[in-house]
Amino acid sequence: MKYKLSVTRSFSSAHCLREYKGRCENLHGHNWKIRAAFYGTELDDTGVLIDFMDIKMHLNKVINYLDHKFLNEIVPFDRVNPTAENIAAFILGRLKDIETKNAKVCEVEIWESESSSAVVCI
């Protein structure tokens, strides 16, 4: 059997896309929504894949780094264009720190609006 857990959080930040021809090259902000998912095939002795609280605590640390910031001024987005795709990949990379032998991060989805999202999958 396969299991998949997800946690959703949100944050606000501003950015502008470098070398982009269009409105998004200008400074603008988003109320981002993030969904981080973990998967696995085995539960621990308590019947849990990974504790939701562990995911929430770690995701909150990542969000605190991004929240109410101008993303173009913080690492790695001072060098990497702060696109939805790159932000999702950054978050996914940070969540690898809490993987267990049973639970691996498998995807991060980030919405920049109610109708537009990017997903990074492993």
PDB file of N, CA and C in Angstrom:
ATOM      1  N   MET A   1       0.843  -1.172   0.000  1.00  0.00           N
ATOM      2  CA  MET A   1       0.000   0.000   0.000  1.00  0.00           C
ATOM      3  C   MET A   1       0.894   1.242   0.000  1.00  0.00           C
ATOM      4  N   LYS A   2       0.448   2.315  -0.658  1.00  0.00           N
ATOM      5  CA  LYS A   2       1.183   3.581  -0.676  1.00  0.00           C
ATOM      6  C   LYS A   2       0.403   4.629   0.097  1.00  0.00           C
ATOM      7  N   TYR A   3       1.130   5.473   0.817  1.00  0.00           N
ATOM      8  CA  TYR A   3       0.521   6.546   1.608  1.00  0.00           C
ATOM      9  C   TYR A   3       1.088   7.879   1.140  1.00  0.00           C
ATOM     10  N   LYS A   4       0.242   8.890   1.188  1.00  0.00           N
ATOM     11  CA  LYS A   4       0.682  10.242   0.834  1.00  0.00           C
ATOM     12  C   LYS A   4       0.025  11.223   1.788  1.00  0.00           C
ATOM     13  N   LEU A   5       0.845  12.052   2.443  1.00  0.00           N
ATOM     14  CA  LEU A   5       0.361  13.078   3.370  1.00  0.00           C
ATOM     15  C   LEU A   5       0.682  14.435   2.783  1.00  0.00           C
ATOM     16  N   SER A   6      -0.151  15.411   3.076  1.00  0.00           N
ATOM     17  CA  SER A   6       0.201  16.767   2.661  1.00  0.00           C
ATOM     18  C   SER A   6      -0.204  17.775   3.720  1.00  0.00           C
ATOM     19  N   VAL A   7       0.535  18.872   3.739  1.00  0.00           N
ATOM     20  CA  VAL A   7       0.289  19.991   4.645  1.00  0.00           C
ATOM     21  C   VAL A   7       0.254  21.248   3.793  1.00  0.00           C
ATOM     22  N   THR A   8      -0.676  22.131   4.111  1.00  0.00           N
ATOM     23  CA  THR A   8      -0.824  23.380   3.367  1.00  0.00           C
ATOM     24  C   THR A   8      -0.552  24.558   4.289  1.00  0.00           C
ATOM     25  N   ARG A   9       0.192  25.513   3.782  1.00  0.00           N
ATOM     26  CA  ARG A   9       0.516  26.737   4.501  1.00  0.00           C
ATOM     27  C   ARG A   9       0.480  27.900   3.518  1.00  0.00           C
ATOM     28  N   SER A  10       0.588  29.135   4.034  1.00  0.00           N
ATOM     29  CA  SER A  10       0.610  30.300   3.149  1.00  0.00           C
ATOM     30  C   SER A  10       1.581  31.350   3.684  1.00  0.00           C
ATOM     31  N   PHE A  11       1.999  32.236   2.791  1.00  0.00           N
ATOM     32  CA  PHE A  11       2.852  33.363   3.158  1.00  0.00           C
ATOM     33  C   PHE A  11       2.692  34.445   2.103  1.00  0.00           C
ATOM     34  N   SER A  12       3.185  35.624   2.411  1.00  0.00           N
ATOM     35  CA  SER A  12       3.129  36.761   1.486  1.00  0.00           C
ATOM     36  C   SER A  12       4.544  37.247   1.217  1.00  0.00           C
ATOM     37  N   SER A  13       4.800  37.613  -0.025  1.00  0.00           N
ATOM     38  CA  SER A  13       6.103  38.181  -0.373  1.00  0.00           C
ATOM     39  C   SER A  13       5.997  38.922  -1.695  1.00  0.00           C
ATOM     40  N   ALA A  14       7.047  39.667  -1.991  1.00  0.00           N
ATOM     41  CA  ALA A  14       7.128  40.406  -3.251  1.00  0.00           C
ATOM     42  C   ALA A  14       8.308  39.881  -4.053  1.00  0.00           C
ATOM     43  N   HIS A  15       8.236  40.062  -5.360  1.00  0.00           N
ATOM     44  CA  HIS A  15       9.346  39.694  -6.234  1.00  0.00           C
ATOM     45  C   HIS A  15       9.176  40.391  -7.576  1.00  0.00           C
ATOM     46  N   CYS A  16      10.186  40.282  -8.400  1.00  0.00           N
ATOM     47  CA  CYS A  16      10.090  40.676  -9.804  1.00  0.00           C
ATOM     48  C   CYS A  16      10.946  39.684 -10.583  1.00  0.00           C
ATOM     49  N   LEU A  17      10.519  39.372 -11.774  1.00  0.00           N
ATOM     50  CA  LEU A  17      11.215  38.371 -12.577  1.00  0.00           C
ATOM     51  C   LEU A  17      12.235  39.046 -13.485  1.00  0.00           C
ATOM     52  N   ARG A  18      13.478  38.647 -13.335  1.00  0.00           N
ATOM     53  CA  ARG A  18      14.561  39.196 -14.148  1.00  0.00           C
ATOM     54  C   ARG A  18      14.462  38.675 -15.579  1.00  0.00           C
ATOM     55  N   GLU A  19      14.779  39.539 -16.530  1.00  0.00           N
ATOM     56  CA  GLU A  19      14.827  39.185 -17.948  1.00  0.00           C
ATOM     57  C   GLU A  19      13.511  38.611 -18.460  1.00  0.00           C
ATOM     58  N   TYR A  20      12.428  38.963 -17.823  1.00  0.00           N
ATOM     59  CA  TYR A  20      11.087  38.539 -18.234  1.00  0.00           C
ATOM     60  C   TYR A  20      10.449  39.713 -18.959  1.00  0.00           C
ATOM     61  N   LYS A  21       9.867  39.462 -20.088  1.00  0.00           N
ATOM     62  CA  LYS A  21       9.214  40.523 -20.855  1.00  0.00           C
ATOM     63  C   LYS A  21       7.719  40.473 -20.575  1.00  0.00           C
ATOM     64  N   GLY A  22       7.263  41.353 -19.732  1.00  0.00           N
ATOM     65  CA  GLY A  22       5.850  41.395 -19.367  1.00  0.00           C
ATOM     66  C   GLY A  22       5.679  42.033 -18.007  1.00  0.00           C
ATOM     67  N   ARG A  23       4.449  42.021 -17.533  1.00  0.00           N
ATOM     68  CA  ARG A  23       4.116  42.699 -16.279  1.00  0.00           C
ATOM     69  C   ARG A  23       4.895  42.165 -15.080  1.00  0.00           C
ATOM     70  N   CYS A  24       5.233  40.898 -15.095  1.00  0.00           N
ATOM     71  CA  CYS A  24       5.896  40.296 -13.932  1.00  0.00           C
ATOM     72  C   CYS A  24       7.350  40.717 -13.773  1.00  0.00           C
ATOM     73  N   GLU A  25       7.888  41.481 -14.747  1.00  0.00           N
ATOM     74  CA  GLU A  25       9.234  42.023 -14.559  1.00  0.00           C
ATOM     75  C   GLU A  25       9.213  43.178 -13.559  1.00  0.00           C
ATOM     76  N   ASN A  26       8.024  43.713 -13.306  1.00  0.00           N
ATOM     77  CA  ASN A  26       7.861  44.796 -12.337  1.00  0.00           C
ATOM     78  C   ASN A  26       7.667  44.225 -10.935  1.00  0.00           C
ATOM     79  N   LEU A  27       8.051  45.002  -9.944  1.00  0.00           N
ATOM     80  CA  LEU A  27       7.847  44.605  -8.555  1.00  0.00           C
ATOM     81  C   LEU A  27       6.358  44.371  -8.300  1.00  0.00           C
ATOM     82  N   HIS A  28       6.037  43.207  -7.736  1.00  0.00           N
ATOM     83  CA  HIS A  28       4.651  42.876  -7.392  1.00  0.00           C
ATOM     84  C   HIS A  28       4.667  41.824  -6.286  1.00  0.00           C
ATOM     85  N   GLY A  29       3.527  41.600  -5.669  1.00  0.00           N
ATOM     86  CA  GLY A  29       3.456  40.659  -4.559  1.00  0.00           C
ATOM     87  C   GLY A  29       2.415  39.581  -4.766  1.00  0.00           C
ATOM     88  N   HIS A  30       2.530  38.550  -3.950  1.00  0.00           N
ATOM     89  CA  HIS A  30       1.581  37.436  -3.969  1.00  0.00           C
ATOM     90  C   HIS A  30       1.271  37.012  -2.541  1.00  0.00           C
ATOM     91  N   ASN A  31       0.095  36.481  -2.364  1.00  0.00           N
ATOM     92  CA  ASN A  31      -0.251  35.714  -1.175  1.00  0.00           C
ATOM     93  C   ASN A  31      -0.143  34.259  -1.605  1.00  0.00           C
ATOM     94  N   TRP A  32       1.020  33.684  -1.393  1.00  0.00           N
ATOM     95  CA  TRP A  32       1.341  32.335  -1.849  1.00  0.00           C
ATOM     96  C   TRP A  32       0.659  31.293  -0.967  1.00  0.00           C
ATOM     97  N   LYS A  33       0.283  30.196  -1.569  1.00  0.00           N
ATOM     98  CA  LYS A  33      -0.221  29.027  -0.833  1.00  0.00           C
ATOM     99  C   LYS A  33       0.672  27.857  -1.228  1.00  0.00           C
ATOM    100  N   ILE A  34       1.105  27.092  -0.241  1.00  0.00           N
ATOM    101  CA  ILE A  34       2.006  25.965  -0.474  1.00  0.00           C
ATOM    102  C   ILE A  34       1.355  24.682   0.016  1.00  0.00           C
ATOM    103  N   ARG A  35       1.509  23.625  -0.769  1.00  0.00           N
ATOM    104  CA  ARG A  35       1.128  22.283  -0.320  1.00  0.00           C
ATOM    105  C   ARG A  35       2.356  21.404  -0.476  1.00  0.00           C
ATOM    106  N   ALA A  36       2.807  20.847   0.632  1.00  0.00           N
ATOM    107  CA  ALA A  36       3.962  19.954   0.629  1.00  0.00           C
ATOM    108  C   ALA A  36       3.478  18.539   0.900  1.00  0.00           C
ATOM    109  N   ALA A  37       3.939  17.581   0.086  1.00  0.00           N
ATOM    110  CA  ALA A  37       3.476  16.198   0.213  1.00  0.00           C
ATOM    111  C   ALA A  37       4.644  15.243   0.445  1.00  0.00           C
ATOM    112  N   PHE A  38       4.393  14.256   1.296  1.00  0.00           N
ATOM    113  CA  PHE A  38       5.338  13.182   1.594  1.00  0.00           C
ATOM    114  C   PHE A  38       4.676  11.854   1.252  1.00  0.00           C
ATOM    115  N   TYR A  39       5.470  10.875   0.822  1.00  0.00           N
ATOM    116  CA  TYR A  39       4.919   9.567   0.492  1.00  0.00           C
ATOM    117  C   TYR A  39       5.757   8.469   1.147  1.00  0.00           C
ATOM    118  N   GLY A  40       5.174   7.294   1.203  1.00  0.00           N
ATOM    119  CA  GLY A  40       5.883   6.135   1.713  1.00  0.00           C
ATOM    120  C   GLY A  40       5.008   4.901   1.615  1.00  0.00           C
ATOM    121  N   THR A  41       5.607   3.758   1.862  1.00  0.00           N
ATOM    122  CA  THR A  41       4.873   2.495   1.787  1.00  0.00           C
ATOM    123  C   THR A  41       4.752   1.805   3.135  1.00  0.00           C
ATOM    124  N   GLU A  42       5.462   2.322   4.141  1.00  0.00           N
ATOM    125  CA  GLU A  42       5.405   1.697   5.464  1.00  0.00           C
ATOM    126  C   GLU A  42       5.103   2.728   6.536  1.00  0.00           C
ATOM    127  N   LEU A  43       4.241   2.357   7.457  1.00  0.00           N
ATOM    128  CA  LEU A  43       3.935   3.203   8.607  1.00  0.00           C
ATOM    129  C   LEU A  43       4.823   2.792   9.774  1.00  0.00           C
ATOM    130  N   ASP A  44       5.014   3.696  10.720  1.00  0.00           N
ATOM    131  CA  ASP A  44       5.796   3.338  11.901  1.00  0.00           C
ATOM    132  C   ASP A  44       4.929   2.527  12.865  1.00  0.00           C
ATOM    133  N   ASP A  45       5.460   2.229  14.030  1.00  0.00           N
ATOM    134  CA  ASP A  45       4.753   1.388  15.002  1.00  0.00           C
ATOM    135  C   ASP A  45       3.458   2.005  15.504  1.00  0.00           C
ATOM    136  N   THR A  46       3.329   3.326  15.390  1.00  0.00           N
ATOM    137  CA  THR A  46       2.098   3.984  15.842  1.00  0.00           C
ATOM    138  C   THR A  46       1.086   4.154  14.711  1.00  0.00           C
ATOM    139  N   GLY A  47       1.432   3.661  13.511  1.00  0.00           N
ATOM    140  CA  GLY A  47       0.521   3.777  12.377  1.00  0.00           C
ATOM    141  C   GLY A  47       0.634   5.102  11.642  1.00  0.00           C
ATOM    142  N   VAL A  48       1.789   5.765  11.780  1.00  0.00           N
ATOM    143  CA  VAL A  48       2.004   7.086  11.185  1.00  0.00           C
ATOM    144  C   VAL A  48       3.110   6.998  10.133  1.00  0.00           C
ATOM    145  N   LEU A  49       2.916   7.657   9.007  1.00  0.00           N
ATOM    146  CA  LEU A  49       3.963   7.746   7.989  1.00  0.00           C
ATOM    147  C   LEU A  49       5.023   8.750   8.434  1.00  0.00           C
ATOM    148  N   ILE A  50       4.596   9.953   8.744  1.00  0.00           N
ATOM    149  CA  ILE A  50       5.432  11.016   9.296  1.00  0.00           C
ATOM    150  C   ILE A  50       4.484  11.923  10.068  1.00  0.00           C
ATOM    151  N   ASP A  51       4.931  12.442  11.166  1.00  0.00           N
ATOM    152  CA  ASP A  51       4.068  13.262  12.014  1.00  0.00           C
ATOM    153  C   ASP A  51       3.742  14.585  11.317  1.00  0.00           C
ATOM    154  N   PHE A  52       2.454  14.896  11.214  1.00  0.00           N
ATOM    155  CA  PHE A  52       2.038  16.168  10.617  1.00  0.00           C
ATOM    156  C   PHE A  52       2.726  17.350  11.304  1.00  0.00           C
ATOM    157  N   MET A  53       2.905  17.258  12.614  1.00  0.00           N
ATOM    158  CA  MET A  53       3.530  18.359  13.356  1.00  0.00           C
ATOM    159  C   MET A  53       4.973  18.587  12.911  1.00  0.00           C
ATOM    160  N   ASP A  54       5.696  17.513  12.596  1.00  0.00           N
ATOM    161  CA  ASP A  54       7.070  17.658  12.106  1.00  0.00           C
ATOM    162  C   ASP A  54       7.086  18.401  10.772  1.00  0.00           C
ATOM    163  N   ILE A  55       6.171  18.033   9.886  1.00  0.00           N
ATOM    164  CA  ILE A  55       6.087  18.719   8.592  1.00  0.00           C
ATOM    165  C   ILE A  55       5.733  20.184   8.807  1.00  0.00           C
ATOM    166  N   LYS A  56       4.722  20.444   9.625  1.00  0.00           N
ATOM    167  CA  LYS A  56       4.279  21.826   9.866  1.00  0.00           C
ATOM    168  C   LYS A  56       5.397  22.676  10.465  1.00  0.00           C
ATOM    169  N   MET A  57       6.104  22.127  11.452  1.00  0.00           N
ATOM    170  CA  MET A  57       7.171  22.893  12.104  1.00  0.00           C
ATOM    171  C   MET A  57       8.276  23.246  11.113  1.00  0.00           C
ATOM    172  N   HIS A  58       8.674  22.282  10.306  1.00  0.00           N
ATOM    173  CA  HIS A  58       9.754  22.540   9.356  1.00  0.00           C
ATOM    174  C   HIS A  58       9.292  23.475   8.238  1.00  0.00           C
ATOM    175  N   LEU A  59       8.080  23.265   7.751  1.00  0.00           N
ATOM    176  CA  LEU A  59       7.540  24.136   6.708  1.00  0.00           C
ATOM    177  C   LEU A  59       7.398  25.562   7.228  1.00  0.00           C
ATOM    178  N   ASN A  60       7.008  25.714   8.478  1.00  0.00           N
ATOM    179  CA  ASN A  60       6.907  27.054   9.069  1.00  0.00           C
ATOM    180  C   ASN A  60       8.264  27.758   9.107  1.00  0.00           C
ATOM    181  N   LYS A  61       9.340  27.016   9.361  1.00  0.00           N
ATOM    182  CA  LYS A  61      10.680  27.611   9.350  1.00  0.00           C
ATOM    183  C   LYS A  61      11.027  28.142   7.962  1.00  0.00           C
ATOM    184  N   VAL A  62      10.703  27.364   6.947  1.00  0.00           N
ATOM    185  CA  VAL A  62      10.970  27.790   5.571  1.00  0.00           C
ATOM    186  C   VAL A  62      10.126  29.016   5.239  1.00  0.00           C
ATOM    187  N   ILE A  63       8.861  28.976   5.623  1.00  0.00           N
ATOM    188  CA  ILE A  63       7.962  30.101   5.347  1.00  0.00           C
ATOM    189  C   ILE A  63       8.438  31.360   6.066  1.00  0.00           C
ATOM    190  N   ASN A  64       8.879  31.236   7.300  1.00  0.00           N
ATOM    191  CA  ASN A  64       9.378  32.408   8.033  1.00  0.00           C
ATOM    192  C   ASN A  64      10.554  33.064   7.316  1.00  0.00           C
ATOM    193  N   TYR A  65      11.344  32.267   6.614  1.00  0.00           N
ATOM    194  CA  TYR A  65      12.462  32.796   5.842  1.00  0.00           C
ATOM    195  C   TYR A  65      11.969  33.620   4.645  1.00  0.00           C
ATOM    196  N   LEU A  66      10.813  33.231   4.077  1.00  0.00           N
ATOM    197  CA  LEU A  66      10.291  33.867   2.862  1.00  0.00           C
ATOM    198  C   LEU A  66       9.226  34.931   3.124  1.00  0.00           C
ATOM    199  N   ASP A  67       8.557  34.837   4.250  1.00  0.00           N
ATOM    200  CA  ASP A  67       7.375  35.663   4.512  1.00  0.00           C
ATOM    201  C   ASP A  67       7.713  37.146   4.645  1.00  0.00           C
ATOM    202  N   HIS A  68       6.915  37.959   3.962  1.00  0.00           N
ATOM    203  CA  HIS A  68       7.044  39.418   3.987  1.00  0.00           C
ATOM    204  C   HIS A  68       8.456  39.884   3.618  1.00  0.00           C
ATOM    205  N   LYS A  69       9.016  39.228   2.621  1.00  0.00           N
ATOM    206  CA  LYS A  69      10.340  39.585   2.114  1.00  0.00           C
ATOM    207  C   LYS A  69      10.227  39.965   0.640  1.00  0.00           C
ATOM    208  N   PHE A  70      11.225  40.720   0.172  1.00  0.00           N
ATOM    209  CA  PHE A  70      11.430  40.937  -1.254  1.00  0.00           C
ATOM    210  C   PHE A  70      12.352  39.804  -1.680  1.00  0.00           C
ATOM    211  N   LEU A  71      11.794  38.788  -2.327  1.00  0.00           N
ATOM    212  CA  LEU A  71      12.516  37.546  -2.587  1.00  0.00           C
ATOM    213  C   LEU A  71      13.808  37.755  -3.367  1.00  0.00           C
ATOM    214  N   ASN A  72      13.840  38.737  -4.256  1.00  0.00           N
ATOM    215  CA  ASN A  72      15.037  38.984  -5.060  1.00  0.00           C
ATOM    216  C   ASN A  72      16.256  39.351  -4.212  1.00  0.00           C
ATOM    217  N   GLU A  73      16.050  39.682  -2.949  1.00  0.00           N
ATOM    218  CA  GLU A  73      17.158  40.098  -2.079  1.00  0.00           C
ATOM    219  C   GLU A  73      17.633  39.010  -1.120  1.00  0.00           C
ATOM    220  N   ILE A  74      16.997  37.827  -1.134  1.00  0.00           N
ATOM    221  CA  ILE A  74      17.417  36.766  -0.215  1.00  0.00           C
ATOM    222  C   ILE A  74      17.958  35.568  -0.999  1.00  0.00           C
ATOM    223  N   VAL A  75      18.889  34.853  -0.380  1.00  0.00           N
ATOM    224  CA  VAL A  75      19.484  33.658  -0.977  1.00  0.00           C
ATOM    225  C   VAL A  75      18.414  32.579  -1.082  1.00  0.00           C
ATOM    226  N   PRO A  76      18.286  31.872  -2.184  1.00  0.00           N
ATOM    227  CA  PRO A  76      19.104  31.898  -3.392  1.00  0.00           C
ATOM    228  C   PRO A  76      18.560  32.824  -4.483  1.00  0.00           C
ATOM    229  N   PHE A  77      17.484  33.542  -4.175  1.00  0.00           N
ATOM    230  CA  PHE A  77      16.789  34.303  -5.210  1.00  0.00           C
ATOM    231  C   PHE A  77      17.479  35.614  -5.555  1.00  0.00           C
ATOM    232  N   ASP A  78      18.565  35.901  -4.863  1.00  0.00           N
ATOM    233  CA  ASP A  78      19.404  37.020  -5.281  1.00  0.00           C
ATOM    234  C   ASP A  78      20.186  36.645  -6.542  1.00  0.00           C
ATOM    235  N   ARG A  79      20.263  35.328  -6.835  1.00  0.00           N
ATOM    236  CA  ARG A  79      20.931  34.817  -8.037  1.00  0.00           C
ATOM    237  C   ARG A  79      19.975  34.071  -8.958  1.00  0.00           C
ATOM    238  N   VAL A  80      19.031  33.349  -8.370  1.00  0.00           N
ATOM    239  CA  VAL A  80      18.079  32.522  -9.118  1.00  0.00           C
ATOM    240  C   VAL A  80      16.776  33.296  -9.255  1.00  0.00           C
ATOM    241  N   ASN A  81      16.215  33.314 -10.448  1.00  0.00           N
ATOM    242  CA  ASN A  81      14.966  34.037 -10.660  1.00  0.00           C
ATOM    243  C   ASN A  81      13.875  33.482  -9.730  1.00  0.00           C
ATOM    244  N   PRO A  82      13.183  34.334  -8.979  1.00  0.00           N
ATOM    245  CA  PRO A  82      12.174  33.864  -8.019  1.00  0.00           C
ATOM    246  C   PRO A  82      10.831  33.545  -8.681  1.00  0.00           C
ATOM    247  N   THR A  83      10.870  32.589  -9.607  1.00  0.00           N
ATOM    248  CA  THR A  83       9.642  32.118 -10.249  1.00  0.00           C
ATOM    249  C   THR A  83       8.921  31.160  -9.308  1.00  0.00           C
ATOM    250  N   ALA A  84       7.669  30.902  -9.580  1.00  0.00           N
ATOM    251  CA  ALA A  84       6.922  29.929  -8.773  1.00  0.00           C
ATOM    252  C   ALA A  84       7.628  28.575  -8.797  1.00  0.00           C
ATOM    253  N   GLU A  85       8.135  28.189  -9.962  1.00  0.00           N
ATOM    254  CA  GLU A  85       8.822  26.904 -10.092  1.00  0.00           C
ATOM    255  C   GLU A  85      10.063  26.850  -9.203  1.00  0.00           C
ATOM    256  N   ASN A  86      10.860  27.913  -9.224  1.00  0.00           N
ATOM    257  CA  ASN A  86      12.085  27.934  -8.418  1.00  0.00           C
ATOM    258  C   ASN A  86      11.799  28.030  -6.924  1.00  0.00           C
ATOM    259  N   ILE A  87      10.754  28.735  -6.555  1.00  0.00           N
ATOM    260  CA  ILE A  87      10.378  28.807  -5.135  1.00  0.00           C
ATOM    261  C   ILE A  87       9.930  27.432  -4.650  1.00  0.00           C
ATOM    262  N   ALA A  88       9.126  26.736  -5.462  1.00  0.00           N
ATOM    263  CA  ALA A  88       8.676  25.386  -5.097  1.00  0.00           C
ATOM    264  C   ALA A  88       9.866  24.443  -4.949  1.00  0.00           C
ATOM    265  N   ALA A  89      10.829  24.523  -5.874  1.00  0.00           N
ATOM    266  CA  ALA A  89      12.017  23.663  -5.802  1.00  0.00           C
ATOM    267  C   ALA A  89      12.844  23.976  -4.549  1.00  0.00           C
ATOM    268  N   PHE A  90      12.963  25.243  -4.204  1.00  0.00           N
ATOM    269  CA  PHE A  90      13.684  25.650  -2.991  1.00  0.00           C
ATOM    270  C   PHE A  90      13.024  25.045  -1.751  1.00  0.00           C
ATOM    271  N   ILE A  91      11.703  25.150  -1.667  1.00  0.00           N
ATOM    272  CA  ILE A  91      10.973  24.610  -0.513  1.00  0.00           C
ATOM    273  C   ILE A  91      11.130  23.097  -0.446  1.00  0.00           C
ATOM    274  N   LEU A  92      11.005  22.427  -1.591  1.00  0.00           N
ATOM    275  CA  LEU A  92      11.161  20.974  -1.620  1.00  0.00           C
ATOM    276  C   LEU A  92      12.552  20.584  -1.112  1.00  0.00           C
ATOM    277  N   GLY A  93      13.573  21.290  -1.543  1.00  0.00           N
ATOM    278  CA  GLY A  93      14.932  20.994  -1.081  1.00  0.00           C
ATOM    279  C   GLY A  93      15.086  21.136   0.421  1.00  0.00           C
ATOM    280  N   ARG A  94      14.467  22.148   0.988  1.00  0.00           N
ATOM    281  CA  ARG A  94      14.534  22.359   2.439  1.00  0.00           C
ATOM    282  C   ARG A  94      13.781  21.265   3.201  1.00  0.00           C
ATOM    283  N   LEU A  95      12.726  20.722   2.614  1.00  0.00           N
ATOM    284  CA  LEU A  95      11.935  19.689   3.298  1.00  0.00           C
ATOM    285  C   LEU A  95      12.623  18.331   3.294  1.00  0.00           C
ATOM    286  N   LYS A  96      13.635  18.140   2.459  1.00  0.00           N
ATOM    287  CA  LYS A  96      14.375  16.874   2.462  1.00  0.00           C
ATOM    288  C   LYS A  96      15.048  16.636   3.816  1.00  0.00           C
ATOM    289  N   ASP A  97      15.267  17.713   4.568  1.00  0.00           N
ATOM    290  CA  ASP A  97      15.909  17.602   5.883  1.00  0.00           C
ATOM    291  C   ASP A  97      15.108  16.769   6.879  1.00  0.00           C
ATOM    292  N   ILE A  98      13.802  16.658   6.685  1.00  0.00           N
ATOM    293  CA  ILE A  98      12.997  15.914   7.664  1.00  0.00           C
ATOM    294  C   ILE A  98      12.526  14.565   7.138  1.00  0.00           C
ATOM    295  N   GLU A  99      13.078  14.129   6.002  1.00  0.00           N
ATOM    296  CA  GLU A  99      12.715  12.805   5.507  1.00  0.00           C
ATOM    297  C   GLU A  99      13.130  11.745   6.527  1.00  0.00           C
ATOM    298  N   THR A 100      12.369  10.672   6.566  1.00  0.00           N
ATOM    299  CA  THR A 100      12.680   9.537   7.432  1.00  0.00           C
ATOM    300  C   THR A 100      12.894   8.314   6.549  1.00  0.00           C
ATOM    301  N   LYS A 101      13.205   7.183   7.160  1.00  0.00           N
ATOM    302  CA  LYS A 101      13.359   5.972   6.340  1.00  0.00           C
ATOM    303  C   LYS A 101      12.034   5.573   5.701  1.00  0.00           C
ATOM    304  N   ASN A 102      10.921   5.969   6.309  1.00  0.00           N
ATOM    305  CA  ASN A 102       9.604   5.616   5.777  1.00  0.00           C
ATOM    306  C   ASN A 102       8.972   6.699   4.914  1.00  0.00           C
ATOM    307  N   ALA A 103       9.335   7.958   5.122  1.00  0.00           N
ATOM    308  CA  ALA A 103       8.639   9.070   4.456  1.00  0.00           C
ATOM    309  C   ALA A 103       9.620   9.947   3.687  1.00  0.00           C
ATOM    310  N   LYS A 104       9.317  10.155   2.421  1.00  0.00           N
ATOM    311  CA  LYS A 104      10.125  11.008   1.548  1.00  0.00           C
ATOM    312  C   LYS A 104       9.248  12.120   0.999  1.00  0.00           C
ATOM    313  N   VAL A 105       9.821  13.328   0.908  1.00  0.00           N
ATOM    314  CA  VAL A 105       9.080  14.418   0.286  1.00  0.00           C
ATOM    315  C   VAL A 105       8.933  14.062  -1.193  1.00  0.00           C
ATOM    316  N   CYS A 106       7.740  14.218  -1.736  1.00  0.00           N
ATOM    317  CA  CYS A 106       7.522  13.836  -3.133  1.00  0.00           C
ATOM    318  C   CYS A 106       7.106  15.001  -4.015  1.00  0.00           C
ATOM    319  N   GLU A 107       6.499  16.037  -3.443  1.00  0.00           N
ATOM    320  CA  GLU A 107       6.144  17.181  -4.273  1.00  0.00           C
ATOM    321  C   GLU A 107       5.830  18.398  -3.425  1.00  0.00           C
ATOM    322  N   VAL A 108       6.005  19.543  -4.051  1.00  0.00           N
ATOM    323  CA  VAL A 108       5.587  20.815  -3.480  1.00  0.00           C
ATOM    324  C   VAL A 108       4.805  21.536  -4.566  1.00  0.00           C
ATOM    325  N   GLU A 109       3.615  21.972  -4.212  1.00  0.00           N
ATOM    326  CA  GLU A 109       2.807  22.790  -5.115  1.00  0.00           C
ATOM    327  C   GLU A 109       2.693  24.171  -4.503  1.00  0.00           C
ATOM    328  N   ILE A 110       2.857  25.193  -5.331  1.00  0.00           N
ATOM    329  CA  ILE A 110       2.759  26.566  -4.859  1.00  0.00           C
ATOM    330  C   ILE A 110       1.823  27.337  -5.780  1.00  0.00           C
ATOM    331  N   TRP A 111       0.855  28.010  -5.158  1.00  0.00           N
ATOM    332  CA  TRP A 111      -0.099  28.839  -5.899  1.00  0.00           C
ATOM    333  C   TRP A 111       0.322  30.289  -5.740  1.00  0.00           C
ATOM    334  N   GLU A 112       0.393  31.018  -6.862  1.00  0.00           N
ATOM    335  CA  GLU A 112       0.624  32.454  -6.775  1.00  0.00           C
ATOM    336  C   GLU A 112      -0.692  33.207  -6.871  1.00  0.00           C
ATOM    337  N   SER A 113      -1.744  32.491  -7.257  1.00  0.00           N
ATOM    338  CA  SER A 113      -3.103  33.035  -7.272  1.00  0.00           C
ATOM    339  C   SER A 113      -4.050  31.853  -7.137  1.00  0.00           C
ATOM    340  N   GLU A 114      -5.332  32.117  -7.050  1.00  0.00           N
ATOM    341  CA  GLU A 114      -6.298  31.022  -6.917  1.00  0.00           C
ATOM    342  C   GLU A 114      -6.320  30.114  -8.139  1.00  0.00           C
ATOM    343  N   SER A 115      -5.878  30.625  -9.286  1.00  0.00           N
ATOM    344  CA  SER A 115      -5.988  29.846 -10.517  1.00  0.00           C
ATOM    345  C   SER A 115      -4.646  29.446 -11.133  1.00  0.00           C
ATOM    346  N   SER A 116      -3.531  29.805 -10.496  1.00  0.00           N
ATOM    347  CA  SER A 116      -2.219  29.519 -11.091  1.00  0.00           C
ATOM    348  C   SER A 116      -1.283  28.901 -10.063  1.00  0.00           C
ATOM    349  N   SER A 117      -0.785  27.706 -10.387  1.00  0.00           N
ATOM    350  CA  SER A 117       0.149  27.038  -9.481  1.00  0.00           C
ATOM    351  C   SER A 117       1.250  26.348 -10.270  1.00  0.00           C
ATOM    352  N   ALA A 118       2.329  26.039  -9.562  1.00  0.00           N
ATOM    353  CA  ALA A 118       3.434  25.261 -10.112  1.00  0.00           C
ATOM    354  C   ALA A 118       3.679  24.098  -9.163  1.00  0.00           C
ATOM    355  N   VAL A 119       4.022  22.950  -9.730  1.00  0.00           N
ATOM    356  CA  VAL A 119       4.298  21.758  -8.934  1.00  0.00           C
ATOM    357  C   VAL A 119       5.696  21.255  -9.277  1.00  0.00           C
ATOM    358  N   VAL A 120       6.475  20.961  -8.245  1.00  0.00           N
ATOM    359  CA  VAL A 120       7.768  20.310  -8.416  1.00  0.00           C
ATOM    360  C   VAL A 120       7.633  18.931  -7.798  1.00  0.00           C
ATOM    361  N   CYS A 121       7.964  17.900  -8.581  1.00  0.00           N
ATOM    362  CA  CYS A 121       7.827  16.507  -8.130  1.00  0.00           C
ATOM    363  C   CYS A 121       9.175  15.804  -8.178  1.00  0.00           C
ATOM    364  N   ILE A 122       9.314  14.835  -7.291  1.00  0.00           N
ATOM    365  CA  ILE A 122      10.509  13.975  -7.336  1.00  0.00           C
ATOM    366  C   ILE A 122      10.083  12.650  -7.922  1.00  0.00           C
TER     367      ILE A 122
END
